[in-house]
């Protein structure tokens, strides 16, 4: 028997209702990079009108919510992550009525809307920073930012040795002699969160968008607002390669958690389960779990899963440790494979046919795990990274600052984001992140045989490859072998099968606010990944089972998942009835031949 897709008719693709009573605990959330999703006014740049017009695609895909990257007034020095006005829409993307229309249209389709908030830094064009520059050294206006005098007698050296994530020093000197901190681009001065006006302003900003109807916030650089007292030196270079692996004085300081507690209280004061999502990098899974304690944020991206290599032992270790860490605070794990700051996982997994096969398999693995999952736009189309953009087309602000060559491994990416950059050999001009994020931000192909593939009537702000016609939404719709239909089937099944999606109910470690979605603590009887033995219970109802080398096998209620990471097929006893696979599966009901680089879901 050859099996690929059998999800049709098992669930309603138009029903965007979470399988748990608290929607965010098992939600599938789709990231829209606004500039590159759809162009509604024909200027070659994606906008809010374009997003609104394409919302039916997301409803048909079967996601629960949409996360929008920044669309606020901005000079666009870093793709909108340099905000000059947090309460207004940049004319590039529309106006405030377009934002209101989008939220209402999404809600009418059963989709929730999450927007970005950027609290670590503002734009240099923000009124506060312009006032600070004009006010001079020692002025109260400068206290909202991190201005400091320089070192040595004439103040000509930066206040400390911190480096910008984008390369070069993290300090810029202004004409009157003071230096200001910018962990990212010089156009993005860091705010001083010890100043009471900063906290009050952002509470007001959150209320503004909550009153408009948004369902939550993705918090950019959620680990960065508080710096260590005294701003101590690090004593090492290439600091971007240390983020997420070692403690640093400018990231993941304990003081950020009081900010997130205050925001949780604000979110809880609104009805409808509004949420906060941390884009946070921490040295360990346990440190990351602190961001999702019951009185803090609801979700935190699991970047360890994103950066995990195509290796079954490593994958299992990340899954085990992630679930145990979030379980210890009663929170779900939030899985992610790609975003606007990292190399698309088709390319990270090797590119070409093999990279696509692995990417499809990884998607099914992610969607089979307990908790919530994020899908980056174009992931459902199997888009690869565009690696051959001409230098003149690139917009990444780090491109001409210090760079490191791209390979697999954790390193901070731009927009305040972090992701799978390189941790390879670092040279004198390689102090920052790689500066090549444009390759994952190419505008989406919707239809047609040539660029801009239905993106809009005015071309596209980044050039699209000439061979993307077969990857468009129109070309893949209705093709049972396409990546788009695989995602649609997976999300349909995720709703239809009770053992998928939601964390298991009734466990005492559950968040007090989540009546049906607790997680257990550390796995009892845990064993080393790949070690022989009987099954290992990781959660109530989730269990690892023995499997051949290179294969992962786990069960959940009424469900089993097999992942074959090997380059050749593997035979094993059939776990049940196949319901969905990333590649054709042959089974006689007793044994199954798992294809190379594939993932299969089973009803048991």
Protein backbone atom coordinates (compact mmCIF):
# COMPACT_ATOMS: atom_id res chain seq x y z
CA UNK A 1 0.00 0.00 0.00
CA UNK A 2 1.25 3.45 -0.86
CA UNK A 3 0.04 6.11 1.53
CA UNK A 4 0.54 9.85 1.48
CA UNK A 5 -2.47 11.96 2.37
CA UNK A 6 -5.71 10.72 3.90
CA UNK A 7 -6.79 13.67 6.03
CA UNK A 8 -9.52 14.92 3.72
CA UNK A 9 -12.88 15.03 5.41
CA UNK A 10 -11.62 14.23 8.91
CA UNK A 11 -12.05 17.78 10.17
CA UNK A 12 -13.47 21.10 9.10
CA UNK A 13 -10.73 23.21 7.57
CA UNK A 14 -12.84 26.31 8.10
CA UNK A 15 -13.12 25.78 11.83
CA UNK A 16 -10.32 27.70 13.55
CA UNK A 17 -11.19 26.63 17.08
CA UNK A 18 -8.39 25.34 19.27
CA UNK A 19 -8.70 21.82 20.60
CA UNK A 20 -7.97 23.08 24.13
CA UNK A 21 -10.15 25.42 26.18
CA UNK A 22 -7.32 27.97 26.33
CA UNK A 23 -6.61 28.70 22.70
CA UNK A 24 -2.94 29.63 22.88
CA UNK A 25 -1.76 26.42 24.54
CA UNK A 26 -2.02 24.39 21.33
CA UNK A 27 -2.50 27.10 18.69
CA UNK A 28 -0.83 27.04 15.29
CA UNK A 29 0.16 30.64 14.58
CA UNK A 30 1.21 31.92 11.17
CA UNK A 31 3.88 34.60 10.92
CA UNK A 32 3.27 37.29 8.31
CA UNK A 33 6.30 39.34 7.33
CA UNK A 34 4.18 42.25 6.14
CA UNK A 35 6.61 43.64 3.54
CA UNK A 36 6.68 40.31 1.72
CA UNK A 37 3.25 38.73 2.13
CA UNK A 38 1.01 40.53 -0.37
CA UNK A 39 0.96 43.96 -1.99
CA UNK A 40 -2.46 45.59 -1.98
CA UNK A 41 -1.61 48.97 -3.54
CA UNK A 42 0.79 47.99 -6.33
CA UNK A 43 3.95 49.71 -5.08
CA UNK A 44 5.99 46.50 -4.84
CA UNK A 45 5.90 46.36 -1.03
CA UNK A 46 3.54 44.22 1.00
CA UNK A 47 1.02 46.07 3.15
CA UNK A 48 -1.93 45.63 5.52
CA UNK A 49 -4.48 45.73 2.73
CA UNK A 50 -2.62 42.91 0.99
CA UNK A 51 -2.64 40.87 4.19
CA UNK A 52 -6.37 41.42 4.63
CA UNK A 53 -7.14 40.35 1.09
CA UNK A 54 -5.14 37.12 1.52
CA UNK A 55 -6.57 36.11 4.91
CA UNK A 56 -8.78 33.42 3.28
CA UNK A 57 -5.56 31.54 2.40
CA UNK A 58 -4.70 31.37 6.09
CA UNK A 59 -8.21 30.34 7.09
CA UNK A 60 -8.12 27.55 4.51
CA UNK A 61 -4.66 26.52 5.69
CA UNK A 62 -6.20 25.96 9.12
CA UNK A 63 -4.12 28.16 11.43
CA UNK A 64 -5.53 29.71 14.59
CA UNK A 65 -3.87 33.12 14.58
CA UNK A 66 -1.72 35.51 12.58
CA UNK A 67 1.38 37.30 13.87
CA UNK A 68 2.21 40.51 11.99
CA UNK A 69 5.72 41.96 11.93
CA UNK A 70 5.99 45.73 12.65
CA UNK A 71 3.94 48.05 10.47
CA UNK A 72 4.42 51.17 12.61
CA UNK A 73 5.83 54.52 11.50
CA UNK A 74 9.52 53.87 10.92
CA UNK A 75 12.47 55.06 8.81
CA UNK A 76 12.88 51.34 7.94
CA UNK A 77 16.54 51.20 8.93
CA UNK A 78 15.87 47.65 10.15
CA UNK A 79 12.72 46.55 8.38
CA UNK A 80 10.40 48.38 10.79
CA UNK A 81 12.10 47.22 13.99
CA UNK A 82 13.20 50.84 14.41
CA UNK A 83 9.93 52.43 15.52
CA UNK A 84 9.37 56.19 15.46
CA UNK A 85 5.67 56.12 16.44
CA UNK A 86 4.17 53.04 18.14
CA UNK A 87 0.57 54.18 17.71
CA UNK A 88 0.50 54.88 13.96
CA UNK A 89 0.79 52.84 10.77
CA UNK A 90 3.61 53.73 8.41
CA UNK A 91 2.19 55.02 5.08
CA UNK A 92 4.25 52.30 3.38
CA UNK A 93 1.82 49.78 4.87
CA UNK A 94 -1.43 51.77 4.93
CA UNK A 95 -3.05 53.65 7.78
CA UNK A 96 -4.77 52.97 11.07
CA UNK A 97 -8.07 52.17 9.38
CA UNK A 98 -6.31 49.40 7.42
CA UNK A 99 -5.10 47.90 10.70
CA UNK A 100 -8.60 48.08 12.12
CA UNK A 101 -10.10 46.52 8.99
CA UNK A 102 -7.54 43.71 9.07
CA UNK A 103 -8.27 42.82 12.70
CA UNK A 104 -12.02 42.79 12.05
CA UNK A 105 -11.66 40.69 8.89
CA UNK A 106 -9.41 38.20 10.67
CA UNK A 107 -11.86 37.83 13.54
CA UNK A 108 -14.69 37.26 11.09
CA UNK A 109 -12.71 34.30 9.71
CA UNK A 110 -12.01 32.91 13.18
CA UNK A 111 -8.39 34.08 13.16
CA UNK A 112 -6.77 35.92 16.05
CA UNK A 113 -4.21 38.68 15.45
CA UNK A 114 -0.90 39.14 17.24
CA UNK A 115 1.24 42.21 16.56
CA UNK A 116 4.89 42.96 17.25
CA UNK A 117 5.97 45.31 20.00
CA UNK A 118 9.57 46.54 20.08
CA UNK A 119 10.44 47.61 23.65
CA UNK A 120 14.23 47.26 23.79
CA UNK A 121 14.93 50.21 21.51
CA UNK A 122 13.27 52.92 19.44
CA UNK A 123 14.20 54.57 16.18
CA UNK A 124 16.67 57.43 16.26
CA UNK A 125 13.75 59.40 14.75
CA UNK A 126 11.53 58.79 17.78
CA UNK A 127 10.59 62.13 19.43
CA UNK A 128 12.20 61.02 22.70
CA UNK A 129 15.58 60.41 21.09
CA UNK A 130 15.49 63.59 19.05
CA UNK A 131 14.75 65.48 22.26
CA UNK A 132 17.62 63.68 24.00
CA UNK A 133 20.09 64.68 21.30
CA UNK A 134 19.09 68.32 21.41
CA UNK A 135 18.97 68.52 25.21
CA UNK A 136 22.65 67.76 25.81
CA UNK A 137 24.67 65.81 28.39
CA UNK A 138 23.13 65.31 31.82
CA UNK A 139 19.64 66.35 30.72
CA UNK A 140 16.55 64.48 31.98
CA UNK A 141 15.65 63.71 28.35
CA UNK A 142 18.74 61.55 28.03
CA UNK A 143 17.76 59.43 31.03
CA UNK A 144 15.18 57.59 28.92
CA UNK A 145 18.07 56.06 26.96
CA UNK A 146 21.49 54.72 27.94
CA UNK A 147 23.82 57.67 27.41
CA UNK A 148 27.23 57.43 29.06
CA UNK A 149 30.54 59.32 28.98
CA UNK A 150 33.39 57.60 27.20
CA UNK A 151 36.50 56.07 28.73
CA UNK A 152 40.08 57.39 28.87
CA UNK A 153 40.91 61.02 29.50
CA UNK A 154 39.22 62.51 26.46
CA UNK A 155 36.24 60.13 26.49
CA UNK A 156 37.20 58.87 23.05
CA UNK A 157 36.70 55.19 23.88
CA UNK A 158 33.24 53.57 24.25
CA UNK A 159 31.97 53.11 27.82
CA UNK A 160 32.52 49.34 27.64
CA UNK A 161 33.46 46.56 25.22
CA UNK A 162 29.95 45.54 24.19
CA UNK A 163 29.45 44.76 20.50
CA UNK A 164 26.41 45.35 18.35
CA UNK A 165 24.59 42.23 17.24
CA UNK A 166 24.93 43.71 13.75
CA UNK A 167 28.69 44.09 14.09
CA UNK A 168 31.01 46.79 15.35
CA UNK A 169 30.75 48.52 18.73
CA UNK A 170 27.39 48.80 20.49
CA UNK A 171 28.07 52.47 21.19
CA UNK A 172 27.92 55.59 19.02
CA UNK A 173 29.34 58.95 20.07
CA UNK A 174 27.31 62.09 19.52
CA UNK A 175 28.92 65.50 18.77
CA UNK A 176 28.74 66.70 22.40
CA UNK A 177 30.91 63.77 23.52
CA UNK A 178 28.37 61.40 25.09
CA UNK A 179 27.94 57.85 23.85
CA UNK A 180 24.62 56.01 23.53
CA UNK A 181 24.02 52.25 23.58
CA UNK A 182 22.52 50.41 20.63
CA UNK A 183 22.67 46.62 20.79
CA UNK A 184 21.53 46.57 17.18
CA UNK A 185 21.96 49.32 14.54
CA UNK A 186 23.04 52.88 15.50
CA UNK A 187 19.58 53.94 14.27
CA UNK A 188 18.10 51.82 17.14
CA UNK A 189 19.08 53.39 20.49
CA UNK A 190 18.39 51.20 23.53
CA UNK A 191 15.85 52.44 26.06
CA UNK A 192 16.57 52.72 29.78
CA UNK A 193 13.91 50.55 31.42
CA UNK A 194 14.86 51.83 34.88
CA UNK A 195 13.20 55.13 33.91
CA UNK A 196 9.52 55.14 34.99
CA UNK A 197 8.38 56.99 31.86
CA UNK A 198 9.53 54.09 29.68
CA UNK A 199 7.37 51.54 31.49
CA UNK A 200 4.39 53.90 31.52
CA UNK A 201 4.71 54.61 27.80
CA UNK A 202 4.76 50.97 26.78
CA UNK A 203 1.83 50.11 29.02
CA UNK A 204 -0.05 52.84 27.16
CA UNK A 205 1.07 51.47 23.78
CA UNK A 206 -0.15 47.98 24.67
CA UNK A 207 -3.52 49.34 25.75
CA UNK A 208 -3.85 51.28 22.51
CA UNK A 209 -3.59 48.13 20.39
CA UNK A 210 -5.59 45.97 22.79
CA UNK A 211 -8.38 48.53 22.60
CA UNK A 212 -8.24 48.28 18.81
CA UNK A 213 -8.87 44.54 19.21
CA UNK A 214 -5.56 42.72 18.77
CA UNK A 215 -5.25 39.40 20.60
CA UNK A 216 -1.70 39.73 21.83
CA UNK A 217 1.88 40.76 21.26
CA UNK A 218 5.06 39.12 20.08
CA UNK A 219 7.69 40.87 22.18
CA UNK A 220 10.85 41.63 20.25
CA UNK A 221 14.06 41.09 22.24
CA UNK A 222 12.02 40.14 25.30
CA UNK A 223 15.30 39.18 26.99
CA UNK A 224 17.04 42.51 26.41
CA UNK A 225 15.37 45.44 28.15
CA UNK A 226 17.39 45.22 31.39
CA UNK A 227 21.19 45.45 31.50
CA UNK A 228 23.52 44.34 34.29
CA UNK A 229 24.31 47.06 36.87
CA UNK A 230 27.37 49.03 35.95
CA UNK A 231 27.33 47.78 32.33
CA UNK A 232 30.40 45.55 32.89
CA UNK A 233 32.84 44.52 30.18
CA UNK A 234 32.52 41.06 28.67
CA UNK A 235 36.20 40.65 27.89
CA UNK A 236 35.66 38.73 24.67
CA UNK A 237 34.93 39.53 21.06
CA UNK A 238 32.50 37.96 18.59
CA UNK A 239 29.78 38.40 21.21
CA UNK A 240 26.93 37.67 18.79
CA UNK A 241 28.04 34.04 18.75
CA UNK A 242 27.59 33.81 22.54
CA UNK A 243 23.93 34.80 22.61
CA UNK A 244 21.73 31.94 23.69
CA UNK A 245 24.71 29.90 24.82
CA UNK A 246 26.36 31.88 27.66
CA UNK A 247 25.25 34.46 30.25
CA UNK A 248 25.76 38.01 28.98
CA UNK A 249 25.36 41.33 30.83
CA UNK A 250 23.04 42.80 28.21
CA UNK A 251 20.63 39.87 27.71
CA UNK A 252 18.49 37.61 29.92
CA UNK A 253 18.93 39.63 33.09
CA UNK A 254 16.55 38.75 35.92
CA UNK A 255 15.05 42.22 35.89
CA UNK A 256 13.19 41.60 32.62
CA UNK A 257 10.79 39.30 34.43
CA UNK A 258 9.18 42.07 36.47
CA UNK A 259 8.43 43.88 33.19
CA UNK A 260 6.75 40.77 31.82
CA UNK A 261 4.77 40.29 35.05
CA UNK A 262 3.40 43.81 34.73
CA UNK A 263 2.44 43.14 31.12
CA UNK A 264 0.75 39.88 32.07
CA UNK A 265 -1.39 41.75 34.57
CA UNK A 266 -2.29 44.22 31.84
CA UNK A 267 -3.16 41.46 29.35
CA UNK A 268 -5.26 39.64 31.95
CA UNK A 269 -7.28 42.80 32.53
CA UNK A 270 -8.72 42.37 29.01
CA UNK A 271 -11.15 39.64 28.04
CA UNK A 272 -10.64 37.05 25.34
CA UNK A 273 -7.35 35.45 26.45
CA UNK A 274 -4.95 38.07 25.08
CA UNK A 275 -1.39 36.76 25.06
CA UNK A 276 2.27 37.76 25.24
CA UNK A 277 4.89 35.83 23.25
CA UNK A 278 8.56 36.14 24.15
CA UNK A 279 11.20 36.29 21.48
CA UNK A 280 13.82 35.41 24.06
CA UNK A 281 17.23 33.79 23.91
CA UNK A 282 18.51 32.18 27.08
CA UNK A 283 21.50 29.94 27.77
CA UNK A 284 19.37 26.97 28.89
CA UNK A 285 15.87 25.58 28.52
CA UNK A 286 15.37 26.20 32.23
CA UNK A 287 16.20 29.91 31.87
CA UNK A 288 13.84 30.17 28.90
CA UNK A 289 11.04 28.57 30.92
CA UNK A 290 11.18 31.47 33.39
CA UNK A 291 9.57 33.67 30.74
CA UNK A 292 6.43 31.51 30.74
CA UNK A 293 5.80 31.12 34.44
CA UNK A 294 2.10 31.43 35.34
CA UNK A 295 2.36 35.15 36.13
CA UNK A 296 4.53 36.07 33.13
CA UNK A 297 4.13 35.53 29.39
CA UNK A 298 2.11 32.83 27.67
CA UNK A 299 4.62 31.56 25.12
CA UNK A 300 8.34 31.72 24.35
CA UNK A 301 9.84 30.59 21.06
CA UNK A 302 11.87 27.40 21.33
CA UNK A 303 14.93 28.36 19.31
CA UNK A 304 16.84 25.27 20.45
CA UNK A 305 14.40 23.23 18.36
CA UNK A 306 14.91 25.58 15.40
CA UNK A 307 18.69 25.29 15.55
CA UNK A 308 18.74 21.55 16.19
CA UNK A 309 20.59 19.57 13.49
CA UNK A 310 19.02 16.73 11.49
CA UNK A 311 20.05 14.18 14.08
CA UNK A 312 17.62 11.96 16.03
CA UNK A 313 19.56 11.98 19.30
CA UNK A 314 19.88 15.76 19.25
CA UNK A 315 16.21 16.18 18.34
CA UNK A 316 15.08 13.92 21.14
CA UNK A 317 17.31 15.69 23.65
CA UNK A 318 15.88 19.08 22.68
CA UNK A 319 12.31 17.77 22.80
CA UNK A 320 12.82 16.08 26.19
CA UNK A 321 14.55 19.04 27.79
CA UNK A 322 12.13 21.59 26.34
CA UNK A 323 9.04 19.73 27.51
CA UNK A 324 10.51 19.11 30.94
CA UNK A 325 11.51 22.76 31.39
CA UNK A 326 8.16 24.24 30.40
CA UNK A 327 6.32 21.52 32.32
CA UNK A 328 8.11 22.62 35.47
CA UNK A 329 6.24 25.95 35.28
CA UNK A 330 2.95 24.57 33.91
CA UNK A 331 3.39 26.05 30.44
CA UNK A 332 3.23 24.59 26.94
CA UNK A 333 6.29 24.43 24.72
CA UNK A 334 6.22 26.66 21.64
CA UNK A 335 7.85 25.04 18.60
CA UNK A 336 9.24 26.88 15.57
CA UNK A 337 11.31 25.91 12.51
CA UNK A 338 11.78 29.17 10.60
CA UNK A 339 11.15 32.90 10.83
CA UNK A 340 12.12 36.19 9.20
CA UNK A 341 15.56 36.16 10.85
CA UNK A 342 16.94 32.75 9.93
CA UNK A 343 17.81 30.62 6.92
CA UNK A 344 14.66 28.79 5.79
CA UNK A 345 14.75 25.22 7.03
CA UNK A 346 14.51 23.69 3.54
CA UNK A 347 17.98 25.13 2.97
CA UNK A 348 19.26 24.53 6.51
CA UNK A 349 18.47 20.84 6.07
CA UNK A 350 20.59 20.57 2.94
CA UNK A 351 18.58 22.25 0.19
CA UNK A 352 17.24 20.71 -3.00
CA UNK A 353 15.07 17.59 -2.94
CA UNK A 354 16.69 16.26 0.22
CA UNK A 355 16.31 19.53 2.10
CA UNK A 356 12.65 19.71 1.09
CA UNK A 357 12.02 16.11 2.17
CA UNK A 358 13.55 16.81 5.56
CA UNK A 359 11.67 20.09 5.92
CA UNK A 360 8.36 18.35 5.23
CA UNK A 361 9.21 15.66 7.76
CA UNK A 362 10.29 18.22 10.37
CA UNK A 363 6.99 20.06 9.92
CA UNK A 364 5.01 16.91 10.71
CA UNK A 365 7.23 16.21 13.71
CA UNK A 366 6.69 19.74 15.03
CA UNK A 367 2.93 19.60 14.54
CA UNK A 368 2.75 16.25 16.33
CA UNK A 369 4.40 17.52 19.52
CA UNK A 370 2.42 18.83 22.50
CA UNK A 371 2.06 22.58 22.65
CA UNK A 372 1.84 25.44 20.19
CA UNK A 373 3.59 25.81 16.83
CA UNK A 374 4.52 28.74 14.58
CA UNK A 375 4.60 28.59 10.79
CA UNK A 376 6.59 31.23 8.91
CA UNK A 377 5.05 32.51 5.69
CA UNK A 378 6.11 30.44 2.69
CA UNK A 379 7.05 27.49 4.88
CA UNK A 380 3.79 25.89 3.81
CA UNK A 381 4.95 26.24 0.19
CA UNK A 382 8.33 24.60 0.80
CA UNK A 383 10.18 27.79 -0.16
CA UNK A 384 13.97 27.58 -0.02
CA UNK A 385 16.33 30.34 1.05
CA UNK A 386 17.33 32.63 -1.81
CA UNK A 387 21.11 32.64 -1.55
CA UNK A 388 22.12 34.46 -4.72
CA UNK A 389 20.66 37.93 -4.19
CA UNK A 390 22.91 40.63 -5.68
CA UNK A 391 24.60 42.79 -3.08
CA UNK A 392 22.82 45.86 -4.42
CA UNK A 393 19.42 44.35 -3.63
CA UNK A 394 20.11 43.57 0.01
CA UNK A 395 18.41 45.62 2.74
CA UNK A 396 19.68 43.90 5.90
CA UNK A 397 21.39 46.61 7.99
CA UNK A 398 24.01 44.11 9.15
CA UNK A 399 25.12 43.30 5.59
CA UNK A 400 27.81 45.95 5.51
CA UNK A 401 28.62 45.79 9.22
CA UNK A 402 30.55 42.93 10.85
CA UNK A 403 29.37 39.54 9.56
CA UNK A 404 29.89 35.86 10.25
CA UNK A 405 29.54 33.16 7.59
CA UNK A 406 26.26 31.26 7.65
CA UNK A 407 26.29 27.70 8.90
CA UNK A 408 24.13 25.78 11.34
CA UNK A 409 24.23 26.96 14.91
CA UNK A 410 22.74 29.52 17.31
CA UNK A 411 23.50 33.14 16.68
CA UNK A 412 21.41 36.26 16.99
CA UNK A 413 19.70 37.52 13.87
CA UNK A 414 18.37 40.92 13.11
CA UNK A 415 15.26 42.84 13.92
CA UNK A 416 16.19 42.02 17.44
CA UNK A 417 15.62 38.43 16.43
CA UNK A 418 17.78 35.43 16.88
CA UNK A 419 18.20 32.38 14.80
CA UNK A 420 20.31 29.94 12.89
CA UNK A 421 23.31 31.92 11.84
CA UNK A 422 26.81 30.63 12.09
CA UNK A 423 29.14 29.88 14.92
CA UNK A 424 32.11 29.13 12.74
CA UNK A 425 35.54 30.72 12.62
CA UNK A 426 35.22 34.44 13.20
CA UNK A 427 37.59 36.96 11.59
CA UNK A 428 38.41 40.56 12.31
CA UNK A 429 35.43 41.81 10.31
CA UNK A 430 33.07 39.12 11.55
CA UNK A 431 31.92 40.44 14.89
CA UNK A 432 28.18 40.59 14.20
CA UNK A 433 25.43 38.48 12.75
CA UNK A 434 25.59 37.46 9.12
CA UNK A 435 23.61 40.21 7.43
CA UNK A 436 21.97 37.84 4.94
CA UNK A 437 18.39 37.75 6.25
CA UNK A 438 16.98 39.09 2.99
CA UNK A 439 17.09 35.57 1.54
CA UNK A 440 14.24 34.41 3.78
CA UNK A 441 12.19 37.56 3.14
CA UNK A 442 11.57 37.23 -0.60
CA UNK A 443 7.94 38.13 -1.43
CA UNK A 444 5.59 35.17 -1.66
CA UNK A 445 4.55 33.58 -4.96
CA UNK A 446 0.75 33.45 -5.20
CA UNK A 447 0.05 32.62 -8.86
CA UNK A 448 1.29 32.99 -12.40
CA UNK A 449 4.28 31.84 -14.42
CA UNK A 450 6.72 34.68 -13.82
CA UNK A 451 7.62 37.28 -11.17
CA UNK A 452 5.99 38.84 -9.24
CA UNK A 453 3.77 35.71 -9.18
CA UNK A 454 0.64 37.55 -8.10
CA UNK A 455 2.36 39.32 -5.20
CA UNK A 456 1.07 42.65 -6.52
CA UNK A 457 0.86 44.83 -9.57
CA UNK A 458 4.13 46.69 -9.10
CA UNK A 459 6.86 44.08 -8.99
CA UNK A 460 8.45 43.11 -5.68
CA UNK A 461 10.83 44.96 -3.36
CA UNK A 462 13.23 42.00 -3.38
CA UNK A 463 13.70 40.03 -6.62
CA UNK A 464 11.96 36.65 -6.79
CA UNK A 465 13.64 33.64 -8.42
CA UNK A 466 12.66 32.82 -11.99
CA UNK A 467 11.88 29.20 -11.08
CA UNK A 468 9.25 29.76 -8.38
CA UNK A 469 6.14 29.34 -10.56
CA UNK A 470 5.71 25.74 -9.41
CA UNK A 471 5.91 26.79 -5.77
CA UNK A 472 3.05 29.28 -5.87
CA UNK A 473 -0.16 28.87 -3.87
CA UNK A 474 -2.15 28.42 -7.08
CA UNK A 475 0.23 25.80 -8.50
CA UNK A 476 0.22 23.72 -5.31
CA UNK A 477 -3.47 23.93 -4.49
CA UNK A 478 -5.18 20.62 -5.23
CA UNK A 479 -1.93 18.70 -5.80
CA UNK A 480 -1.97 15.89 -3.18
CA UNK A 481 1.82 15.64 -3.31
CA UNK A 482 2.46 19.35 -2.73
CA UNK A 483 3.86 20.84 0.46
CA UNK A 484 0.87 23.17 0.72
CA UNK A 485 -1.60 20.30 0.74
CA UNK A 486 0.59 18.45 3.25
CA UNK A 487 0.34 21.39 5.64
CA UNK A 488 -3.40 21.73 5.07
CA UNK A 489 -3.89 18.02 5.77
CA UNK A 490 -1.68 18.13 8.86
CA UNK A 491 -3.55 21.06 10.37
CA UNK A 492 -6.87 19.40 9.57
CA UNK A 493 -5.79 16.19 11.28
CA UNK A 494 -4.35 18.10 14.22
CA UNK A 495 -7.88 19.28 14.95
CA UNK A 496 -9.56 15.97 14.22
CA UNK A 497 -7.38 13.63 16.31
CA UNK A 498 -7.89 14.10 20.07
CA UNK A 499 -4.31 13.06 20.85
CA UNK A 500 -2.74 15.91 18.88
CA UNK A 501 -2.15 19.57 19.59
CA UNK A 502 -3.17 20.25 23.15
CA UNK A 503 -0.97 19.33 26.09
CA UNK A 504 -2.57 16.59 28.17
CA UNK A 505 -5.36 17.60 30.54
CA UNK A 506 -5.63 17.38 34.27
CA UNK A 507 -2.02 17.45 35.38
CA UNK A 508 -1.33 19.36 38.62
CA UNK A 509 1.53 21.30 37.02
CA UNK A 510 -0.94 23.09 34.78
CA UNK A 511 -1.03 26.85 34.74
CA UNK A 512 -3.72 27.97 37.14
CA UNK A 513 -5.31 29.95 34.35
CA UNK A 514 -5.45 26.94 32.01
CA UNK A 515 -8.03 24.50 33.26
CA UNK A 516 -7.39 21.74 30.77
CA UNK A 517 -3.83 21.89 29.57
CA UNK A 518 -1.21 20.98 32.16
CA UNK A 519 2.18 19.38 31.58
CA UNK A 520 4.11 16.99 33.76
CA UNK A 521 7.46 17.65 35.36
CA UNK A 522 10.73 15.99 34.40
CA UNK A 523 10.28 12.71 32.62
CA UNK A 524 10.27 9.78 35.06
CA UNK A 525 12.76 7.09 34.21
CA UNK A 526 14.34 9.22 31.51
CA UNK A 527 17.10 7.57 29.53
CA UNK A 528 19.70 8.78 27.12
CA UNK A 529 18.36 9.47 23.62
CA UNK A 530 18.65 6.39 21.46
CA UNK A 531 19.36 4.09 24.40
CA UNK A 532 17.64 0.69 24.34
CA UNK A 533 14.86 -0.15 26.74
CA UNK A 534 11.16 0.11 27.22
CA UNK A 535 9.17 3.20 26.42
CA UNK A 536 9.76 6.44 28.28
CA UNK A 537 6.78 8.47 29.42
CA UNK A 538 7.52 12.15 28.79
CA UNK A 539 4.08 13.59 29.47
CA UNK A 540 0.81 12.04 30.57
CA UNK A 541 -0.10 10.15 27.39
CA UNK A 542 3.17 10.79 25.53
CA UNK A 543 5.75 8.02 25.36
CA UNK A 544 8.94 7.31 23.43
CA UNK A 545 9.05 3.76 22.10
CA UNK A 546 12.09 1.71 21.03
CA UNK A 547 12.93 2.21 17.36
CA UNK A 548 15.73 1.33 14.93
CA UNK A 549 18.81 3.52 14.78
CA UNK A 550 18.05 6.83 13.10
CA UNK A 551 14.30 6.58 13.81
CA UNK A 552 12.23 8.38 16.44
CA UNK A 553 8.91 6.86 17.53
CA UNK A 554 6.53 8.29 20.11
CA UNK A 555 2.87 7.87 20.93
CA UNK A 556 0.13 10.09 22.21
CA UNK A 557 -3.48 9.05 22.89
CA UNK A 558 -4.73 7.26 19.78
CA UNK A 559 -1.75 8.46 17.79
CA UNK A 560 1.83 7.54 16.88
CA UNK A 561 4.54 9.46 15.06
CA UNK A 562 7.58 8.01 13.30
CA UNK A 563 10.50 10.07 12.01
CA UNK A 564 13.14 8.41 9.82
CA UNK A 565 16.22 10.64 9.67
CA UNK A 566 18.27 8.16 7.66
CA UNK A 567 19.14 8.49 3.98
CA UNK A 568 17.61 5.09 3.23
CA UNK A 569 14.26 3.40 3.98
CA UNK A 570 13.86 1.60 7.30
CA UNK A 571 11.54 -1.34 8.00
CA UNK A 572 9.79 -1.77 11.35
CA UNK A 573 6.54 -3.21 12.74
CA UNK A 574 3.60 -1.06 11.74
CA UNK A 575 2.57 1.21 14.66
CA UNK A 576 -1.02 1.38 13.40
CA UNK A 577 -2.96 2.75 10.46
CA UNK A 578 -1.12 5.46 8.50
CA UNK A 579 -3.13 8.68 8.18
CA UNK A 580 -0.55 11.17 6.90
CA UNK A 581 3.02 10.99 5.67
CA UNK A 582 5.54 13.42 4.25
CA UNK A 583 6.47 10.78 1.62
CA UNK A 584 4.74 7.65 0.28
CA UNK A 585 4.70 4.82 2.83
CA UNK A 586 4.40 1.14 1.99
CA UNK A 587 2.77 -1.12 4.55
CA UNK A 588 1.05 -4.51 4.53
CA UNK A 589 -0.55 -3.84 7.90
CA UNK A 590 2.10 -5.81 9.80
CA UNK A 591 5.33 -4.08 8.78
CA UNK A 592 6.07 -0.70 7.24
CA UNK A 593 8.89 0.58 5.07
CA UNK A 594 9.53 4.15 6.17
CA UNK A 595 10.95 6.29 3.35
CA UNK A 596 14.22 8.11 3.82
CA UNK A 597 13.98 11.52 5.52
CA UNK A 598 10.28 11.18 6.25
CA UNK A 599 7.71 11.53 9.01
CA UNK A 600 4.47 9.55 9.26
CA UNK A 601 1.42 9.92 11.49
CA UNK A 602 -0.50 6.82 12.59
CA UNK A 603 -3.90 6.18 14.13
CA UNK A 604 -3.59 3.52 16.84
